Structure formats: structure tokens, C-alpha cells
Amino acid sequence: DNGPVRIPDLYFAHPDGSPDIGRTDAYLETIRAVRRFA
């Protein structure tokens, strides 16, 4: 949660620039799991 860009604020995008919701959701779930572990 620190730094100029918070890690949970990042997201994945398709080559055309549109958000890749599926990959972003998987990424955010990984962050939640890391948080639970820590």
C-alpha cells in the first residue's frame, strides 16, 4: 500500500488498451491472498 503507485491500483490491459478484467481480477485475488498470508 505504499509508493507512488500502489500495487493494488495496477491493472492488466488487452493489446487494444481495453481493461483485461479477468486477469486483473486474478491479480487482485493474489494480492488479497498475499495480504491474508502476511
PDB file of all heavy atoms in Angstrom:
ATOM      1  N   ASP A   1       0.791  -1.234   0.000  1.00  0.00           N
ATOM      2  CA  ASP A   1       0.000   0.000   0.000  1.00  0.00           C
ATOM      3  C   ASP A   1       0.819   1.279   0.000  1.00  0.00           C
ATOM      4  O   ASP A   1       0.283   2.347   0.260  1.00  0.00           O
ATOM      5  CB  ASP A   1      -0.932   0.003   1.219  1.00  0.00           C
ATOM      6  CG  ASP A   1      -2.025  -1.027   1.079  1.00  0.00           C
ATOM      7  OD1 ASP A   1      -2.567  -1.154  -0.026  1.00  0.00           O
ATOM      8  OD2 ASP A   1      -2.320  -1.722   2.069  1.00  0.00           O
ATOM      9  N   ASN A   2       2.099   1.178  -0.278  1.00  0.00           N
ATOM     10  CA  ASN A   2       2.934   2.376  -0.268  1.00  0.00           C
ATOM     11  C   ASN A   2       3.679   2.527  -1.572  1.00  0.00           C
ATOM     12  O   ASN A   2       3.824   1.585  -2.329  1.00  0.00           O
ATOM     13  CB  ASN A   2       3.902   2.319   0.912  1.00  0.00           C
ATOM     14  CG  ASN A   2       3.178   2.495   2.222  1.00  0.00           C
ATOM     15  OD1 ASN A   2       2.663   3.562   2.493  1.00  0.00           O
ATOM     16  ND2 ASN A   2       3.109   1.443   3.010  1.00  0.00           N
ATOM     17  N   GLY A   3       4.153   3.730  -1.791  1.00  0.00           N
ATOM     18  CA  GLY A   3       4.883   4.035  -3.012  1.00  0.00           C
ATOM     19  C   GLY A   3       4.071   4.955  -3.891  1.00  0.00           C
ATOM     20  O   GLY A   3       2.899   5.230  -3.618  1.00  0.00           O
ATOM     21  N   PRO A   4       4.688   5.438  -4.949  1.00  0.00           N
ATOM     22  CA  PRO A   4       3.989   6.384  -5.834  1.00  0.00           C
ATOM     23  C   PRO A   4       2.768   5.764  -6.511  1.00  0.00           C
ATOM     24  O   PRO A   4       1.780   6.435  -6.755  1.00  0.00           O
ATOM     25  CB  PRO A   4       5.039   6.787  -6.861  1.00  0.00           C
ATOM     26  CG  PRO A   4       6.172   5.838  -6.698  1.00  0.00           C
ATOM     27  CD  PRO A   4       6.049   5.186  -5.371  1.00  0.00           C
ATOM     28  N   VAL A   5       2.846   4.464  -6.807  1.00  0.00           N
ATOM     29  CA  VAL A   5       1.707   3.738  -7.372  1.00  0.00           C
ATOM     30  C   VAL A   5       1.497   2.508  -6.507  1.00  0.00           C
ATOM     31  O   VAL A   5       2.361   1.651  -6.407  1.00  0.00           O
ATOM     32  CB  VAL A   5       1.977   3.309  -8.835  1.00  0.00           C
ATOM     33  CG1 VAL A   5       0.821   2.492  -9.374  1.00  0.00           C
ATOM     34  CG2 VAL A   5       2.234   4.520  -9.713  1.00  0.00           C
ATOM     35  N   ARG A   6       0.348   2.451  -5.853  1.00  0.00           N
ATOM     36  CA  ARG A   6       0.048   1.290  -5.009  1.00  0.00           C
ATOM     37  C   ARG A   6      -0.111   0.054  -5.887  1.00  0.00           C
ATOM     38  O   ARG A   6      -0.733   0.117  -6.945  1.00  0.00           O
ATOM     39  CB  ARG A   6      -1.237   1.531  -4.217  1.00  0.00           C
ATOM     40  CG  ARG A   6      -1.127   2.634  -3.191  1.00  0.00           C
ATOM     41  CD  ARG A   6      -2.454   2.907  -2.496  1.00  0.00           C
ATOM     42  NE  ARG A   6      -2.998   1.702  -1.883  1.00  0.00           N
ATOM     43  CZ  ARG A   6      -4.149   1.117  -2.256  1.00  0.00           C
ATOM     44  NH1 ARG A   6      -4.872   1.616  -3.233  1.00  0.00           N
ATOM     45  NH2 ARG A   6      -4.579   0.039  -1.642  1.00  0.00           N
ATOM     46  N   ILE A   7       0.444  -1.046  -5.450  1.00  0.00           N
ATOM     47  CA  ILE A   7       0.395  -2.285  -6.225  1.00  0.00           C
ATOM     48  C   ILE A   7      -1.042  -2.696  -6.558  1.00  0.00           C
ATOM     49  O   ILE A   7      -1.316  -3.093  -7.690  1.00  0.00           O
ATOM     50  CB  ILE A   7       1.199  -3.388  -5.509  1.00  0.00           C
ATOM     51  CG1 ILE A   7       2.678  -3.035  -5.635  1.00  0.00           C
ATOM     52  CG2 ILE A   7       0.905  -4.762  -6.068  1.00  0.00           C
ATOM     53  CD1 ILE A   7       3.607  -3.920  -4.872  1.00  0.00           C
ATOM     54  N   PRO A   8      -2.007  -2.575  -5.616  1.00  0.00           N
ATOM     55  CA  PRO A   8      -3.385  -2.947  -5.969  1.00  0.00           C
ATOM     56  C   PRO A   8      -4.048  -2.008  -6.990  1.00  0.00           C
ATOM     57  O   PRO A   8      -5.096  -2.338  -7.530  1.00  0.00           O
ATOM     58  CB  PRO A   8      -4.127  -2.880  -4.632  1.00  0.00           C
ATOM     59  CG  PRO A   8      -3.075  -3.009  -3.588  1.00  0.00           C
ATOM     60  CD  PRO A   8      -1.861  -2.358  -4.186  1.00  0.00           C
ATOM     61  N   ASP A   9      -3.443  -0.864  -7.265  1.00  0.00           N
ATOM     62  CA  ASP A   9      -4.017   0.066  -8.244  1.00  0.00           C
ATOM     63  C   ASP A   9      -3.654  -0.279  -9.683  1.00  0.00           C
ATOM     64  O   ASP A   9      -4.218   0.289 -10.619  1.00  0.00           O
ATOM     65  CB  ASP A   9      -3.581   1.506  -7.947  1.00  0.00           C
ATOM     66  CG  ASP A   9      -4.166   2.039  -6.654  1.00  0.00           C
ATOM     67  OD1 ASP A   9      -5.187   1.481  -6.191  1.00  0.00           O
ATOM     68  OD2 ASP A   9      -3.610   2.996  -6.106  1.00  0.00           O
ATOM     69  N   LEU A  10      -2.720  -1.190  -9.871  1.00  0.00           N
ATOM     70  CA  LEU A  10      -2.309  -1.589 -11.216  1.00  0.00           C
ATOM     71  C   LEU A  10      -3.366  -2.509 -11.828  1.00  0.00           C
ATOM     72  O   LEU A  10      -4.136  -3.139 -11.110  1.00  0.00           O
ATOM     73  CB  LEU A  10      -0.965  -2.321 -11.158  1.00  0.00           C
ATOM     74  CG  LEU A  10       0.197  -1.535 -10.557  1.00  0.00           C
ATOM     75  CD1 LEU A  10       1.398  -2.441 -10.374  1.00  0.00           C
ATOM     76  CD2 LEU A  10       0.531  -0.343 -11.424  1.00  0.00           C
ATOM     77  N   TYR A  11      -3.394  -2.569 -13.138  1.00  0.00           N
ATOM     78  CA  TYR A  11      -4.359  -3.439 -13.809  1.00  0.00           C
ATOM     79  C   TYR A  11      -3.778  -3.928 -15.125  1.00  0.00           C
ATOM     80  O   TYR A  11      -2.840  -3.342 -15.670  1.00  0.00           O
ATOM     81  CB  TYR A  11      -5.690  -2.720 -14.045  1.00  0.00           C
ATOM     82  CG  TYR A  11      -5.578  -1.519 -14.942  1.00  0.00           C
ATOM     83  CD1 TYR A  11      -5.780  -1.636 -16.315  1.00  0.00           C
ATOM     84  CD2 TYR A  11      -5.260  -0.275 -14.431  1.00  0.00           C
ATOM     85  CE1 TYR A  11      -5.667  -0.544 -17.152  1.00  0.00           C
ATOM     86  CE2 TYR A  11      -5.148   0.834 -15.257  1.00  0.00           C
ATOM     87  CZ  TYR A  11      -5.348   0.691 -16.611  1.00  0.00           C
ATOM     88  OH  TYR A  11      -5.224   1.778 -17.436  1.00  0.00           O
ATOM     89  N   PHE A  12      -4.356  -4.991 -15.626  1.00  0.00           N
ATOM     90  CA  PHE A  12      -3.953  -5.560 -16.909  1.00  0.00           C
ATOM     91  C   PHE A  12      -4.835  -5.005 -18.015  1.00  0.00           C
ATOM     92  O   PHE A  12      -6.007  -4.700 -17.788  1.00  0.00           O
ATOM     93  CB  PHE A  12      -4.075  -7.090 -16.885  1.00  0.00           C
ATOM     94  CG  PHE A  12      -2.961  -7.742 -16.132  1.00  0.00           C
ATOM     95  CD1 PHE A  12      -3.067  -7.952 -14.775  1.00  0.00           C
ATOM     96  CD2 PHE A  12      -1.799  -8.127 -16.784  1.00  0.00           C
ATOM     97  CE1 PHE A  12      -2.033  -8.544 -14.058  1.00  0.00           C
ATOM     98  CE2 PHE A  12      -0.759  -8.721 -16.085  1.00  0.00           C
ATOM     99  CZ  PHE A  12      -0.881  -8.927 -14.718  1.00  0.00           C
ATOM    100  N   ALA A  13      -4.249  -4.891 -19.204  1.00  0.00           N
ATOM    101  CA  ALA A  13      -4.997  -4.396 -20.358  1.00  0.00           C
ATOM    102  C   ALA A  13      -4.733  -5.311 -21.551  1.00  0.00           C
ATOM    103  O   ALA A  13      -3.674  -5.928 -21.671  1.00  0.00           O
ATOM    104  CB  ALA A  13      -4.582  -2.978 -20.686  1.00  0.00           C
ATOM    105  N   HIS A  14      -5.722  -5.377 -22.420  1.00  0.00           N
ATOM    106  CA  HIS A  14      -5.574  -6.097 -23.689  1.00  0.00           C
ATOM    107  C   HIS A  14      -4.688  -5.263 -24.621  1.00  0.00           C
ATOM    108  O   HIS A  14      -4.486  -4.071 -24.381  1.00  0.00           O
ATOM    109  CB  HIS A  14      -6.951  -6.293 -24.336  1.00  0.00           C
ATOM    110  CG  HIS A  14      -7.840  -7.222 -23.572  1.00  0.00           C
ATOM    111  ND1 HIS A  14      -7.629  -8.578 -23.498  1.00  0.00           N
ATOM    112  CD2 HIS A  14      -8.963  -6.971 -22.839  1.00  0.00           C
ATOM    113  CE1 HIS A  14      -8.565  -9.134 -22.758  1.00  0.00           C
ATOM    114  NE2 HIS A  14      -9.401  -8.185 -22.348  1.00  0.00           N
ATOM    115  N   PRO A  15      -4.170  -5.864 -25.695  1.00  0.00           N
ATOM    116  CA  PRO A  15      -3.332  -5.121 -26.635  1.00  0.00           C
ATOM    117  C   PRO A  15      -4.003  -3.855 -27.193  1.00  0.00           C
ATOM    118  O   PRO A  15      -3.325  -2.873 -27.493  1.00  0.00           O
ATOM    119  CB  PRO A  15      -3.056  -6.130 -27.756  1.00  0.00           C
ATOM    120  CG  PRO A  15      -3.149  -7.460 -27.086  1.00  0.00           C
ATOM    121  CD  PRO A  15      -4.229  -7.295 -26.042  1.00  0.00           C
ATOM    122  N   ASP A  16      -5.338  -3.859 -27.273  1.00  0.00           N
ATOM    123  CA  ASP A  16      -6.026  -2.664 -27.795  1.00  0.00           C
ATOM    124  C   ASP A  16      -6.204  -1.585 -26.718  1.00  0.00           C
ATOM    125  O   ASP A  16      -6.759  -0.526 -26.986  1.00  0.00           O
ATOM    126  CB  ASP A  16      -7.379  -3.036 -28.396  1.00  0.00           C
ATOM    127  CG  ASP A  16      -8.387  -3.534 -27.360  1.00  0.00           C
ATOM    128  OD1 ASP A  16      -8.044  -3.607 -26.160  1.00  0.00           O
ATOM    129  OD2 ASP A  16      -9.515  -3.862 -27.767  1.00  0.00           O
ATOM    130  N   GLY A  17      -5.717  -1.860 -25.488  1.00  0.00           N
ATOM    131  CA  GLY A  17      -5.797  -0.882 -24.408  1.00  0.00           C
ATOM    132  C   GLY A  17      -6.998  -1.037 -23.489  1.00  0.00           C
ATOM    133  O   GLY A  17      -7.075  -0.392 -22.450  1.00  0.00           O
ATOM    134  N   SER A  18      -7.949  -1.880 -23.864  1.00  0.00           N
ATOM    135  CA  SER A  18      -9.120  -2.079 -23.010  1.00  0.00           C
ATOM    136  C   SER A  18      -8.728  -2.929 -21.796  1.00  0.00           C
ATOM    137  O   SER A  18      -7.817  -3.747 -21.874  1.00  0.00           O
ATOM    138  CB  SER A  18     -10.245  -2.766 -23.796  1.00  0.00           C
ATOM    139  OG  SER A  18      -9.841  -4.053 -24.206  1.00  0.00           O
ATOM    140  N   PRO A  19      -9.383  -2.710 -20.669  1.00  0.00           N
ATOM    141  CA  PRO A  19      -9.041  -3.459 -19.451  1.00  0.00           C
ATOM    142  C   PRO A  19      -9.253  -4.956 -19.628  1.00  0.00           C
ATOM    143  O   PRO A  19     -10.239  -5.390 -20.215  1.00  0.00           O
ATOM    144  CB  PRO A  19     -10.010  -2.910 -18.405  1.00  0.00           C
ATOM    145  CG  PRO A  19     -10.551  -1.647 -18.961  1.00  0.00           C
ATOM    146  CD  PRO A  19     -10.471  -1.758 -20.447  1.00  0.00           C
ATOM    147  N   ASP A  20      -8.316  -5.731 -19.114  1.00  0.00           N
ATOM    148  CA  ASP A  20      -8.438  -7.184 -19.082  1.00  0.00           C
ATOM    149  C   ASP A  20      -8.971  -7.540 -17.701  1.00  0.00           C
ATOM    150  O   ASP A  20      -8.200  -7.741 -16.745  1.00  0.00           O
ATOM    151  CB  ASP A  20      -7.090  -7.843 -19.348  1.00  0.00           C
ATOM    152  CG  ASP A  20      -7.185  -9.359 -19.473  1.00  0.00           C
ATOM    153  OD1 ASP A  20      -8.147  -9.944 -18.937  1.00  0.00           O
ATOM    154  OD2 ASP A  20      -6.283  -9.946 -20.099  1.00  0.00           O
ATOM    155  N   ILE A  21     -10.268  -7.603 -17.592  1.00  0.00           N
ATOM    156  CA  ILE A  21     -10.922  -7.766 -16.297  1.00  0.00           C
ATOM    157  C   ILE A  21     -10.588  -9.122 -15.668  1.00  0.00           C
ATOM    158  O   ILE A  21     -10.326  -9.198 -14.467  1.00  0.00           O
ATOM    159  CB  ILE A  21     -12.441  -7.559 -16.434  1.00  0.00           C
ATOM    160  CG1 ILE A  21     -12.699  -6.110 -16.828  1.00  0.00           C
ATOM    161  CG2 ILE A  21     -13.167  -7.910 -15.144  1.00  0.00           C
ATOM    162  CD1 ILE A  21     -14.106  -5.794 -17.225  1.00  0.00           C
ATOM    163  N   GLY A  22     -10.565 -10.167 -16.454  1.00  0.00           N
ATOM    164  CA  GLY A  22     -10.278 -11.496 -15.919  1.00  0.00           C
ATOM    165  C   GLY A  22      -8.893 -11.581 -15.291  1.00  0.00           C
ATOM    166  O   GLY A  22      -8.731 -12.062 -14.169  1.00  0.00           O
ATOM    167  N   ARG A  23      -7.887 -11.112 -16.012  1.00  0.00           N
ATOM    168  CA  ARG A  23      -6.509 -11.149 -15.474  1.00  0.00           C
ATOM    169  C   ARG A  23      -6.354 -10.197 -14.302  1.00  0.00           C
ATOM    170  O   ARG A  23      -5.669 -10.506 -13.337  1.00  0.00           O
ATOM    171  CB  ARG A  23      -5.510 -10.818 -16.573  1.00  0.00           C
ATOM    172  CG  ARG A  23      -5.407 -11.960 -17.562  1.00  0.00           C
ATOM    173  CD  ARG A  23      -4.277 -11.791 -18.537  1.00  0.00           C
ATOM    174  NE  ARG A  23      -3.056 -11.327 -17.946  1.00  0.00           N
ATOM    175  CZ  ARG A  23      -2.046 -12.111 -17.530  1.00  0.00           C
ATOM    176  NH1 ARG A  23      -2.152 -13.404 -17.676  1.00  0.00           N
ATOM    177  NH2 ARG A  23      -0.969 -11.602 -17.028  1.00  0.00           N
ATOM    178  N   THR A  24      -6.994  -9.041 -14.384  1.00  0.00           N
ATOM    179  CA  THR A  24      -6.915  -8.087 -13.274  1.00  0.00           C
ATOM    180  C   THR A  24      -7.560  -8.670 -12.027  1.00  0.00           C
ATOM    181  O   THR A  24      -7.024  -8.540 -10.921  1.00  0.00           O
ATOM    182  CB  THR A  24      -7.562  -6.744 -13.661  1.00  0.00           C
ATOM    183  OG1 THR A  24      -6.850  -6.203 -14.788  1.00  0.00           O
ATOM    184  CG2 THR A  24      -7.514  -5.751 -12.517  1.00  0.00           C
ATOM    185  N   ASP A  25      -8.705  -9.326 -12.189  1.00  0.00           N
ATOM    186  CA  ASP A  25      -9.358  -9.956 -11.035  1.00  0.00           C
ATOM    187  C   ASP A  25      -8.467 -11.035 -10.414  1.00  0.00           C
ATOM    188  O   ASP A  25      -8.363 -11.130  -9.181  1.00  0.00           O
ATOM    189  CB  ASP A  25     -10.706 -10.561 -11.436  1.00  0.00           C
ATOM    190  CG  ASP A  25     -11.781  -9.516 -11.648  1.00  0.00           C
ATOM    191  OD1 ASP A  25     -11.576  -8.333 -11.275  1.00  0.00           O
ATOM    192  OD2 ASP A  25     -12.839  -9.877 -12.198  1.00  0.00           O
ATOM    193  N   ALA A  26      -7.815 -11.842 -11.246  1.00  0.00           N
ATOM    194  CA  ALA A  26      -6.918 -12.881 -10.733  1.00  0.00           C
ATOM    195  C   ALA A  26      -5.728 -12.250 -10.005  1.00  0.00           C
ATOM    196  O   ALA A  26      -5.307 -12.731  -8.938  1.00  0.00           O
ATOM    197  CB  ALA A  26      -6.442 -13.775 -11.875  1.00  0.00           C
ATOM    198  N   TYR A  27      -5.205 -11.179 -10.551  1.00  0.00           N
ATOM    199  CA  TYR A  27      -4.096 -10.438  -9.935  1.00  0.00           C
ATOM    200  C   TYR A  27      -4.518  -9.880  -8.577  1.00  0.00           C
ATOM    201  O   TYR A  27      -3.810 -10.044  -7.569  1.00  0.00           O
ATOM    202  CB  TYR A  27      -3.663  -9.331 -10.898  1.00  0.00           C
ATOM    203  CG  TYR A  27      -2.810  -8.240 -10.316  1.00  0.00           C
ATOM    204  CD1 TYR A  27      -1.490  -8.490  -9.943  1.00  0.00           C
ATOM    205  CD2 TYR A  27      -3.297  -6.950 -10.166  1.00  0.00           C
ATOM    206  CE1 TYR A  27      -0.692  -7.475  -9.439  1.00  0.00           C
ATOM    207  CE2 TYR A  27      -2.511  -5.937  -9.659  1.00  0.00           C
ATOM    208  CZ  TYR A  27      -1.207  -6.211  -9.293  1.00  0.00           C
ATOM    209  OH  TYR A  27      -0.415  -5.202  -8.789  1.00  0.00           O
ATOM    210  N   LEU A  28      -5.689  -9.256  -8.528  1.00  0.00           N
ATOM    211  CA  LEU A  28      -6.175  -8.680  -7.267  1.00  0.00           C
ATOM    212  C   LEU A  28      -6.470  -9.763  -6.230  1.00  0.00           C
ATOM    213  O   LEU A  28      -6.248  -9.565  -5.031  1.00  0.00           O
ATOM    214  CB  LEU A  28      -7.405  -7.806  -7.513  1.00  0.00           C
ATOM    215  CG  LEU A  28      -7.133  -6.527  -8.312  1.00  0.00           C
ATOM    216  CD1 LEU A  28      -8.436  -5.814  -8.634  1.00  0.00           C
ATOM    217  CD2 LEU A  28      -6.167  -5.614  -7.572  1.00  0.00           C
ATOM    218  N   GLU A  29      -6.948 -10.914  -6.673  1.00  0.00           N
ATOM    219  CA  GLU A  29      -7.177 -12.027  -5.744  1.00  0.00           C
ATOM    220  C   GLU A  29      -5.847 -12.517  -5.165  1.00  0.00           C
ATOM    221  O   GLU A  29      -5.763 -12.862  -3.986  1.00  0.00           O
ATOM    222  CB  GLU A  29      -7.925 -13.178  -6.413  1.00  0.00           C
ATOM    223  CG  GLU A  29      -8.188 -14.350  -5.492  1.00  0.00           C
ATOM    224  CD  GLU A  29      -8.860 -13.984  -4.174  1.00  0.00           C
ATOM    225  OE1 GLU A  29      -9.766 -13.119  -4.160  1.00  0.00           O
ATOM    226  OE2 GLU A  29      -8.472 -14.557  -3.131  1.00  0.00           O
ATOM    227  N   THR A  30      -4.810 -12.526  -5.978  1.00  0.00           N
ATOM    228  CA  THR A  30      -3.489 -12.905  -5.486  1.00  0.00           C
ATOM    229  C   THR A  30      -3.015 -11.919  -4.426  1.00  0.00           C
ATOM    230  O   THR A  30      -2.476 -12.316  -3.387  1.00  0.00           O
ATOM    231  CB  THR A  30      -2.480 -12.986  -6.647  1.00  0.00           C
ATOM    232  OG1 THR A  30      -2.930 -13.970  -7.578  1.00  0.00           O
ATOM    233  CG2 THR A  30      -1.085 -13.346  -6.157  1.00  0.00           C
ATOM    234  N   ILE A  31      -3.242 -10.636  -4.660  1.00  0.00           N
ATOM    235  CA  ILE A  31      -2.866  -9.615  -3.671  1.00  0.00           C
ATOM    236  C   ILE A  31      -3.629  -9.839  -2.364  1.00  0.00           C
ATOM    237  O   ILE A  31      -3.053  -9.779  -1.274  1.00  0.00           O
ATOM    238  CB  ILE A  31      -3.109  -8.195  -4.215  1.00  0.00           C
ATOM    239  CG1 ILE A  31      -2.110  -7.905  -5.332  1.00  0.00           C
ATOM    240  CG2 ILE A  31      -3.017  -7.153  -3.095  1.00  0.00           C
ATOM    241  CD1 ILE A  31      -2.375  -6.619  -6.083  1.00  0.00           C
ATOM    242  N   ARG A  32      -4.927 -10.122  -2.462  1.00  0.00           N
ATOM    243  CA  ARG A  32      -5.717 -10.384  -1.252  1.00  0.00           C
ATOM    244  C   ARG A  32      -5.177 -11.603  -0.503  1.00  0.00           C
ATOM    245  O   ARG A  32      -5.085 -11.604   0.727  1.00  0.00           O
ATOM    246  CB  ARG A  32      -7.193 -10.565  -1.599  1.00  0.00           C
ATOM    247  CG  ARG A  32      -7.893  -9.254  -1.943  1.00  0.00           C
ATOM    248  CD  ARG A  32      -9.397  -9.428  -2.082  1.00  0.00           C
ATOM    249  NE  ARG A  32      -9.780 -10.155  -3.269  1.00  0.00           N
ATOM    250  CZ  ARG A  32      -9.985  -9.604  -4.469  1.00  0.00           C
ATOM    251  NH1 ARG A  32      -9.854  -8.303  -4.631  1.00  0.00           N
ATOM    252  NH2 ARG A  32     -10.342 -10.346  -5.497  1.00  0.00           N
ATOM    253  N   ALA A  33      -4.797 -12.640  -1.229  1.00  0.00           N
ATOM    254  CA  ALA A  33      -4.258 -13.848  -0.609  1.00  0.00           C
ATOM    255  C   ALA A  33      -2.903 -13.566   0.046  1.00  0.00           C
ATOM    256  O   ALA A  33      -2.619 -14.065   1.144  1.00  0.00           O
ATOM    257  CB  ALA A  33      -4.136 -14.964  -1.653  1.00  0.00           C
ATOM    258  N   VAL A  34      -2.068 -12.755  -0.598  1.00  0.00           N
ATOM    259  CA  VAL A  34      -0.779 -12.372  -0.012  1.00  0.00           C
ATOM    260  C   VAL A  34      -1.020 -11.586   1.279  1.00  0.00           C
ATOM    261  O   VAL A  34      -0.366 -11.813   2.298  1.00  0.00           O
ATOM    262  CB  VAL A  34       0.070 -11.548  -1.011  1.00  0.00           C
ATOM    263  CG1 VAL A  34       1.235 -10.851  -0.314  1.00  0.00           C
ATOM    264  CG2 VAL A  34       0.575 -12.435  -2.139  1.00  0.00           C
ATOM    265  N   ARG A  35      -1.983 -10.697   1.241  1.00  0.00           N
ATOM    266  CA  ARG A  35      -2.335  -9.904   2.429  1.00  0.00           C
ATOM    267  C   ARG A  35      -2.792 -10.813   3.584  1.00  0.00           C
ATOM    268  O   ARG A  35      -2.366 -10.639   4.726  1.00  0.00           O
ATOM    269  CB  ARG A  35      -3.457  -8.939   2.070  1.00  0.00           C
ATOM    270  CG  ARG A  35      -3.246  -7.543   2.534  1.00  0.00           C
ATOM    271  CD  ARG A  35      -4.502  -6.726   2.226  1.00  0.00           C
ATOM    272  NE  ARG A  35      -4.468  -6.041   0.971  1.00  0.00           N
ATOM    273  CZ  ARG A  35      -3.759  -4.942   0.737  1.00  0.00           C
ATOM    274  NH1 ARG A  35      -3.016  -4.423   1.663  1.00  0.00           N
ATOM    275  NH2 ARG A  35      -3.810  -4.357  -0.431  1.00  0.00           N
ATOM    276  N   ARG A  36      -3.661 -11.781   3.265  1.00  0.00           N
ATOM    277  CA  ARG A  36      -4.129 -12.720   4.297  1.00  0.00           C
ATOM    278  C   ARG A  36      -2.959 -13.506   4.881  1.00  0.00           C
ATOM    279  O   ARG A  36      -2.868 -13.702   6.094  1.00  0.00           O
ATOM    280  CB  ARG A  36      -5.171 -13.685   3.727  1.00  0.00           C
ATOM    281  CG  ARG A  36      -6.554 -13.091   3.573  1.00  0.00           C
ATOM    282  CD  ARG A  36      -7.607 -14.136   3.246  1.00  0.00           C
ATOM    283  NE  ARG A  36      -7.359 -14.878   2.023  1.00  0.00           N
ATOM    284  CZ  ARG A  36      -7.747 -14.488   0.801  1.00  0.00           C
ATOM    285  NH1 ARG A  36      -8.434 -13.363   0.649  1.00  0.00           N
ATOM    286  NH2 ARG A  36      -7.475 -15.220  -0.260  1.00  0.00           N
ATOM    287  N   PHE A  37      -2.076 -13.960   4.008  1.00  0.00           N
ATOM    288  CA  PHE A  37      -0.908 -14.689   4.477  1.00  0.00           C
ATOM    289  C   PHE A  37      -0.072 -13.814   5.411  1.00  0.00           C
ATOM    290  O   PHE A  37       0.283 -14.234   6.513  1.00  0.00           O
ATOM    291  CB  PHE A  37      -0.037 -15.154   3.301  1.00  0.00           C
ATOM    292  CG  PHE A  37       1.329 -15.565   3.743  1.00  0.00           C
ATOM    293  CD1 PHE A  37       1.526 -16.803   4.336  1.00  0.00           C
ATOM    294  CD2 PHE A  37       2.401 -14.705   3.611  1.00  0.00           C
ATOM    295  CE1 PHE A  37       2.781 -17.175   4.789  1.00  0.00           C
ATOM    296  CE2 PHE A  37       3.660 -15.070   4.059  1.00  0.00           C
ATOM    297  CZ  PHE A  37       3.846 -16.306   4.646  1.00  0.00           C
ATOM    298  N   ALA A  38       0.247 -12.607   4.973  1.00  0.00           N
ATOM    299  CA  ALA A  38       1.114 -11.727   5.768  1.00  0.00           C
ATOM    300  C   ALA A  38       0.452 -11.348   7.091  1.00  0.00           C
ATOM    301  O   ALA A  38       1.121 -11.280   8.121  1.00  0.00           O
ATOM    302  CB  ALA A  38       1.474 -10.480   4.970  1.00  0.00           C
TER     303      ALA A  38
END
